[in-house]
Amino acid sequence: MDNDVSAGNTTTIVGRLALGITLLAVGLGHTGVIDGVTAADAAPLAQYVGGIALFLTGLLAFRDRDTASGTAFTALGALWFTWAVSGDVSANAAGLFLLLFALVVLSLTLAGGDTLGKASYGLFGLALLLWAVAAFAESEGVAKVGGWVGVAAGALSWYAATAALAHWPTVLPRRAAGRGVTATG
């Protein structure tokens, strides 16, 4: 039985951990579930882990001739770093930045890769889109929903890295459709 367990390479694992931790911190900050913690409080983590560490991980992936991970991690690292150091900007400027960030993540989602990676990027893109709408509309409720989607994306990215390290299954096993059903119908 094939459990589709990918050993993953070191740069992909480190990149997914960095992305997962950053998304969890920023997402939880948007939800308001932890008293006194906001998304702005995640800026230092986004700058160093989501920005610098992810960018460097992308450069290492390029060195290893892994263009997919290299592109993803350097682009995301640059975007996280920019978000972290941007400071106070207008709501419309923040919305535009988040919308452009979402387009980059959409490209990463559509580029292919494994199921967990595509799902993580897809949720990340949805969170960014919700945060952009929240910024344009100045809606705390939409930002909170985006925060929960960001938390889900971060948890999925973290799981993908952990699954590669621990050799856990990354897909559910397939089973027959039912008694008397064959592949030909």
C-alpha atoms as a PDB file:
ATOM      1  CA  MET A   1       0.000   0.000   0.000  1.00  0.00           C
ATOM      2  CA  ASP A   2       1.410   3.368  -1.049  1.00  0.00           C
ATOM      3  CA  ASN A   3       0.942   6.076   1.573  1.00  0.00           C
ATOM      4  CA  ASP A   4       2.534   8.738  -0.655  1.00  0.00           C
ATOM      5  CA  VAL A   5       5.113   9.670   1.939  1.00  0.00           C
ATOM      6  CA  SER A   6       7.640  12.097   0.584  1.00  0.00           C
ATOM      7  CA  ALA A   7      10.920  12.372   2.391  1.00  0.00           C
ATOM      8  CA  GLY A   8      11.152  15.968   1.172  1.00  0.00           C
ATOM      9  CA  ASN A   9      14.416  17.773   0.873  1.00  0.00           C
ATOM     10  CA  THR A  10      15.886  19.878   3.634  1.00  0.00           C
ATOM     11  CA  THR A  11      15.162  23.236   2.028  1.00  0.00           C
ATOM     12  CA  THR A  12      11.521  22.348   1.399  1.00  0.00           C
ATOM     13  CA  ILE A  13      11.076  21.177   4.979  1.00  0.00           C
ATOM     14  CA  VAL A  14      12.707  24.290   6.451  1.00  0.00           C
ATOM     15  CA  GLY A  15      10.735  26.523   4.090  1.00  0.00           C
ATOM     16  CA  ARG A  16       7.439  24.904   5.003  1.00  0.00           C
ATOM     17  CA  LEU A  17       8.219  25.205   8.714  1.00  0.00           C
ATOM     18  CA  ALA A  18       9.114  28.896   8.341  1.00  0.00           C
ATOM     19  CA  LEU A  19       5.983  29.577   6.298  1.00  0.00           C
ATOM     20  CA  GLY A  20       3.810  27.592   8.713  1.00  0.00           C
ATOM     21  CA  ILE A  21       5.071  29.382  11.813  1.00  0.00           C
ATOM     22  CA  THR A  22       4.698  32.787  10.172  1.00  0.00           C
ATOM     23  CA  LEU A  23       1.162  32.042   8.985  1.00  0.00           C
ATOM     24  CA  LEU A  24       0.170  30.714  12.402  1.00  0.00           C
ATOM     25  CA  ALA A  25       1.463  33.852  14.123  1.00  0.00           C
ATOM     26  CA  VAL A  26      -0.091  36.331  11.681  1.00  0.00           C
ATOM     27  CA  GLY A  27      -3.322  34.333  11.427  1.00  0.00           C
ATOM     28  CA  LEU A  28      -3.743  34.068  15.186  1.00  0.00           C
ATOM     29  CA  GLY A  29      -3.019  37.786  15.445  1.00  0.00           C
ATOM     30  CA  HIS A  30      -5.884  38.524  13.054  1.00  0.00           C
ATOM     31  CA  THR A  31      -8.332  36.277  14.921  1.00  0.00           C
ATOM     32  CA  GLY A  32      -7.978  38.088  18.220  1.00  0.00           C
ATOM     33  CA  VAL A  33      -8.282  34.759  20.009  1.00  0.00           C
ATOM     34  CA  ILE A  34      -5.267  35.548  22.212  1.00  0.00           C
ATOM     35  CA  ASP A  35      -5.976  38.592  24.347  1.00  0.00           C
ATOM     36  CA  GLY A  36      -3.740  41.539  23.472  1.00  0.00           C
ATOM     37  CA  VAL A  37      -2.076  39.861  20.457  1.00  0.00           C
ATOM     38  CA  THR A  38      -2.627  41.429  17.049  1.00  0.00           C
ATOM     39  CA  ALA A  39      -1.329  40.734  13.555  1.00  0.00           C
ATOM     40  CA  ALA A  40       1.039  43.693  13.985  1.00  0.00           C
ATOM     41  CA  ASP A  41       2.626  41.847  16.919  1.00  0.00           C
ATOM     42  CA  ALA A  42       3.702  39.142  14.456  1.00  0.00           C
ATOM     43  CA  ALA A  43       5.756  41.632  12.411  1.00  0.00           C
ATOM     44  CA  PRO A  44       9.147  40.746  13.978  1.00  0.00           C
ATOM     45  CA  LEU A  45       8.534  37.035  13.407  1.00  0.00           C
ATOM     46  CA  ALA A  46       7.358  37.757   9.850  1.00  0.00           C
ATOM     47  CA  GLN A  47      10.466  39.862   9.232  1.00  0.00           C
ATOM     48  CA  TYR A  48      13.020  37.330  10.446  1.00  0.00           C
ATOM     49  CA  VAL A  49      11.394  33.897   9.993  1.00  0.00           C
ATOM     50  CA  GLY A  50       8.923  34.633   7.211  1.00  0.00           C
ATOM     51  CA  GLY A  51      11.202  37.137   5.527  1.00  0.00           C
ATOM     52  CA  ILE A  52      14.904  36.554   5.969  1.00  0.00           C
ATOM     53  CA  ALA A  53      14.922  32.819   6.826  1.00  0.00           C
ATOM     54  CA  LEU A  54      12.437  31.983   4.078  1.00  0.00           C
ATOM     55  CA  PHE A  55      14.365  34.066   1.532  1.00  0.00           C
ATOM     56  CA  LEU A  56      17.662  32.371   2.456  1.00  0.00           C
ATOM     57  CA  THR A  57      15.971  28.972   2.285  1.00  0.00           C
ATOM     58  CA  GLY A  58      14.830  29.864  -1.232  1.00  0.00           C
ATOM     59  CA  LEU A  59      18.402  30.741  -2.240  1.00  0.00           C
ATOM     60  CA  LEU A  60      19.574  27.372  -0.896  1.00  0.00           C
ATOM     61  CA  ALA A  61      16.832  25.660  -2.894  1.00  0.00           C
ATOM     62  CA  PHE A  62      18.071  27.399  -6.049  1.00  0.00           C
ATOM     63  CA  ARG A  63      21.575  26.164  -5.225  1.00  0.00           C
ATOM     64  CA  ASP A  64      20.139  22.642  -5.042  1.00  0.00           C
ATOM     65  CA  ARG A  65      18.504  23.198  -8.478  1.00  0.00           C
ATOM     66  CA  ASP A  66      15.004  23.121  -6.924  1.00  0.00           C
ATOM     67  CA  THR A  67      13.493  25.988  -8.895  1.00  0.00           C
ATOM     68  CA  ALA A  68       9.938  25.472  -7.597  1.00  0.00           C
ATOM     69  CA  SER A  69      10.899  25.780  -3.927  1.00  0.00           C
ATOM     70  CA  GLY A  70      13.494  28.428  -4.711  1.00  0.00           C
ATOM     71  CA  THR A  71      10.958  30.599  -6.489  1.00  0.00           C
ATOM     72  CA  ALA A  72       8.294  30.095  -3.831  1.00  0.00           C
ATOM     73  CA  PHE A  73      10.491  30.712  -0.812  1.00  0.00           C
ATOM     74  CA  THR A  74      12.445  33.708  -2.174  1.00  0.00           C
ATOM     75  CA  ALA A  75       9.261  35.405  -3.387  1.00  0.00           C
ATOM     76  CA  LEU A  76       7.392  34.724  -0.155  1.00  0.00           C
ATOM     77  CA  GLY A  77      10.408  35.747   1.910  1.00  0.00           C
ATOM     78  CA  ALA A  78      10.655  39.077   0.099  1.00  0.00           C
ATOM     79  CA  LEU A  79       6.922  39.671   0.488  1.00  0.00           C
ATOM     80  CA  TRP A  80       6.858  38.776   4.211  1.00  0.00           C
ATOM     81  CA  PHE A  81       9.866  41.006   4.836  1.00  0.00           C
ATOM     82  CA  THR A  82       8.205  43.891   3.006  1.00  0.00           C
ATOM     83  CA  TRP A  83       4.969  43.391   4.974  1.00  0.00           C
ATOM     84  CA  ALA A  84       6.896  43.356   8.251  1.00  0.00           C
ATOM     85  CA  VAL A  85       8.876  46.554   7.638  1.00  0.00           C
ATOM     86  CA  SER A  86       6.156  48.554   5.877  1.00  0.00           C
ATOM     87  CA  GLY A  87       4.804  50.082   9.090  1.00  0.00           C
ATOM     88  CA  ASP A  88       1.658  52.182   9.015  1.00  0.00           C
ATOM     89  CA  VAL A  89       0.220  52.621   5.543  1.00  0.00           C
ATOM     90  CA  SER A  90      -3.243  53.573   4.381  1.00  0.00           C
ATOM     91  CA  ALA A  91      -5.946  50.906   4.342  1.00  0.00           C
ATOM     92  CA  ASN A  92      -6.065  51.009   0.538  1.00  0.00           C
ATOM     93  CA  ALA A  93      -2.282  50.641   0.243  1.00  0.00           C
ATOM     94  CA  ALA A  94      -2.374  47.670   2.621  1.00  0.00           C
ATOM     95  CA  GLY A  95      -5.256  46.136   0.653  1.00  0.00           C
ATOM     96  CA  LEU A  96      -3.387  46.558  -2.636  1.00  0.00           C
ATOM     97  CA  PHE A  97      -0.228  44.992  -1.210  1.00  0.00           C
ATOM     98  CA  LEU A  98      -2.199  42.027   0.156  1.00  0.00           C
ATOM     99  CA  LEU A  99      -4.016  41.608  -3.158  1.00  0.00           C
ATOM    100  CA  LEU A 100      -0.724  41.550  -5.079  1.00  0.00           C
ATOM    101  CA  PHE A 101       0.715  39.150  -2.480  1.00  0.00           C
ATOM    102  CA  ALA A 102      -2.359  36.920  -3.076  1.00  0.00           C
ATOM    103  CA  LEU A 103      -1.668  36.900  -6.831  1.00  0.00           C
ATOM    104  CA  VAL A 104       1.869  35.632  -6.224  1.00  0.00           C
ATOM    105  CA  VAL A 105       0.513  32.892  -3.968  1.00  0.00           C
ATOM    106  CA  LEU A 106      -2.120  32.023  -6.597  1.00  0.00           C
ATOM    107  CA  SER A 107       0.709  31.489  -9.096  1.00  0.00           C
ATOM    108  CA  LEU A 108       2.440  29.183  -6.602  1.00  0.00           C
ATOM    109  CA  THR A 109      -0.812  27.268  -6.060  1.00  0.00           C
ATOM    110  CA  LEU A 110      -1.362  26.768  -9.789  1.00  0.00           C
ATOM    111  CA  ALA A 111       2.277  25.867 -10.456  1.00  0.00           C
ATOM    112  CA  GLY A 112       1.777  22.337  -9.167  1.00  0.00           C
ATOM    113  CA  GLY A 113       3.635  20.347  -6.589  1.00  0.00           C
ATOM    114  CA  ASP A 114       2.367  17.943  -3.993  1.00  0.00           C
ATOM    115  CA  THR A 115      -1.161  17.970  -2.599  1.00  0.00           C
ATOM    116  CA  LEU A 116      -0.264  19.411   0.808  1.00  0.00           C
ATOM    117  CA  GLY A 117       1.776  22.198  -0.752  1.00  0.00           C
ATOM    118  CA  LYS A 118      -0.989  23.174  -3.171  1.00  0.00           C
ATOM    119  CA  ALA A 119      -3.597  23.071  -0.398  1.00  0.00           C
ATOM    120  CA  SER A 120      -1.423  25.175   1.909  1.00  0.00           C
ATOM    121  CA  TYR A 121      -0.789  27.769  -0.793  1.00  0.00           C
ATOM    122  CA  GLY A 122      -4.471  27.752  -1.736  1.00  0.00           C
ATOM    123  CA  LEU A 123      -5.539  28.489   1.842  1.00  0.00           C
ATOM    124  CA  PHE A 124      -2.776  31.079   2.174  1.00  0.00           C
ATOM    125  CA  GLY A 125      -4.009  32.822  -0.995  1.00  0.00           C
ATOM    126  CA  LEU A 126      -7.577  32.808   0.319  1.00  0.00           C
ATOM    127  CA  ALA A 127      -6.412  34.310   3.623  1.00  0.00           C
ATOM    128  CA  LEU A 128      -4.547  37.054   1.761  1.00  0.00           C
ATOM    129  CA  LEU A 129      -7.590  37.781  -0.369  1.00  0.00           C
ATOM    130  CA  LEU A 130      -9.783  38.029   2.741  1.00  0.00           C
ATOM    131  CA  TRP A 131      -7.234  40.305   4.434  1.00  0.00           C
ATOM    132  CA  ALA A 132      -7.141  42.503   1.322  1.00  0.00           C
ATOM    133  CA  VAL A 133     -10.941  42.780   1.298  1.00  0.00           C
ATOM    134  CA  ALA A 134     -10.872  43.506   5.030  1.00  0.00           C
ATOM    135  CA  ALA A 135      -8.322  46.281   4.492  1.00  0.00           C
ATOM    136  CA  PHE A 136     -10.286  47.874   1.636  1.00  0.00           C
ATOM    137  CA  ALA A 137     -13.594  47.609   3.524  1.00  0.00           C
ATOM    138  CA  GLU A 138     -12.032  48.248   6.951  1.00  0.00           C
ATOM    139  CA  SER A 139     -13.868  45.168   8.225  1.00  0.00           C
ATOM    140  CA  GLU A 140     -12.632  43.486  11.399  1.00  0.00           C
ATOM    141  CA  GLY A 141     -15.000  40.549  10.843  1.00  0.00           C
ATOM    142  CA  VAL A 142     -13.565  39.693   7.418  1.00  0.00           C
ATOM    143  CA  ALA A 143     -10.039  40.068   8.842  1.00  0.00           C
ATOM    144  CA  LYS A 144     -10.901  37.532  11.576  1.00  0.00           C
ATOM    145  CA  VAL A 145     -12.223  35.040   9.014  1.00  0.00           C
ATOM    146  CA  GLY A 146      -9.017  35.558   7.037  1.00  0.00           C
ATOM    147  CA  GLY A 147      -7.085  34.962  10.232  1.00  0.00           C
ATOM    148  CA  TRP A 148      -8.692  31.565  10.741  1.00  0.00           C
ATOM    149  CA  VAL A 149      -7.985  30.645   7.106  1.00  0.00           C
ATOM    150  CA  GLY A 150      -4.386  31.767   7.669  1.00  0.00           C
ATOM    151  CA  VAL A 151      -4.181  29.577  10.777  1.00  0.00           C
ATOM    152  CA  ALA A 152      -5.417  26.610   8.725  1.00  0.00           C
ATOM    153  CA  ALA A 153      -2.829  27.341   6.019  1.00  0.00           C
ATOM    154  CA  GLY A 154      -0.076  27.604   8.622  1.00  0.00           C
ATOM    155  CA  ALA A 155      -1.105  24.377  10.309  1.00  0.00           C
ATOM    156  CA  LEU A 156      -1.174  22.589   6.960  1.00  0.00           C
ATOM    157  CA  SER A 157       2.263  23.917   6.001  1.00  0.00           C
ATOM    158  CA  TRP A 158       3.623  22.880   9.386  1.00  0.00           C
ATOM    159  CA  TYR A 159       2.040  19.421   9.001  1.00  0.00           C
ATOM    160  CA  ALA A 160       3.568  19.008   5.526  1.00  0.00           C
ATOM    161  CA  ALA A 161       7.038  19.705   6.927  1.00  0.00           C
ATOM    162  CA  THR A 162       6.509  17.460   9.942  1.00  0.00           C
ATOM    163  CA  ALA A 163       5.098  14.671   7.759  1.00  0.00           C
ATOM    164  CA  ALA A 164       8.206  14.782   5.580  1.00  0.00           C
ATOM    165  CA  LEU A 165      10.475  14.622   8.625  1.00  0.00           C
ATOM    166  CA  ALA A 166       8.502  11.883  10.411  1.00  0.00           C
ATOM    167  CA  HIS A 167       7.574   9.944   7.257  1.00  0.00           C
ATOM    168  CA  TRP A 168       3.871  10.292   7.972  1.00  0.00           C
ATOM    169  CA  PRO A 169       1.310   9.673   5.233  1.00  0.00           C
ATOM    170  CA  THR A 170       0.419  12.697   3.152  1.00  0.00           C
ATOM    171  CA  VAL A 171      -2.699  11.277   1.463  1.00  0.00           C
ATOM    172  CA  LEU A 172      -5.550   9.081   2.556  1.00  0.00           C
ATOM    173  CA  PRO A 173      -5.352   5.481   1.341  1.00  0.00           C
ATOM    174  CA  ARG A 174      -7.629   4.630  -1.558  1.00  0.00           C
ATOM    175  CA  ARG A 175     -10.306   1.975  -1.163  1.00  0.00           C
ATOM    176  CA  ALA A 176     -12.620   0.174  -3.514  1.00  0.00           C
ATOM    177  CA  ALA A 177     -15.910   1.896  -4.385  1.00  0.00           C
ATOM    178  CA  GLY A 178     -17.993  -0.948  -3.025  1.00  0.00           C
ATOM    179  CA  ARG A 179     -18.952  -4.577  -3.402  1.00  0.00           C
ATOM    180  CA  GLY A 180     -19.224  -5.693  -7.005  1.00  0.00           C
ATOM    181  CA  VAL A 181     -17.753  -2.513  -8.468  1.00  0.00           C
ATOM    182  CA  THR A 182     -14.823  -2.924 -10.780  1.00  0.00           C
ATOM    183  CA  ALA A 183     -12.477  -0.442 -12.369  1.00  0.00           C
ATOM    184  CA  THR A 184     -14.253  -0.856 -15.693  1.00  0.00           C
ATOM    185  CA  GLY A 185     -17.687  -0.125 -14.272  1.00  0.00           C
END
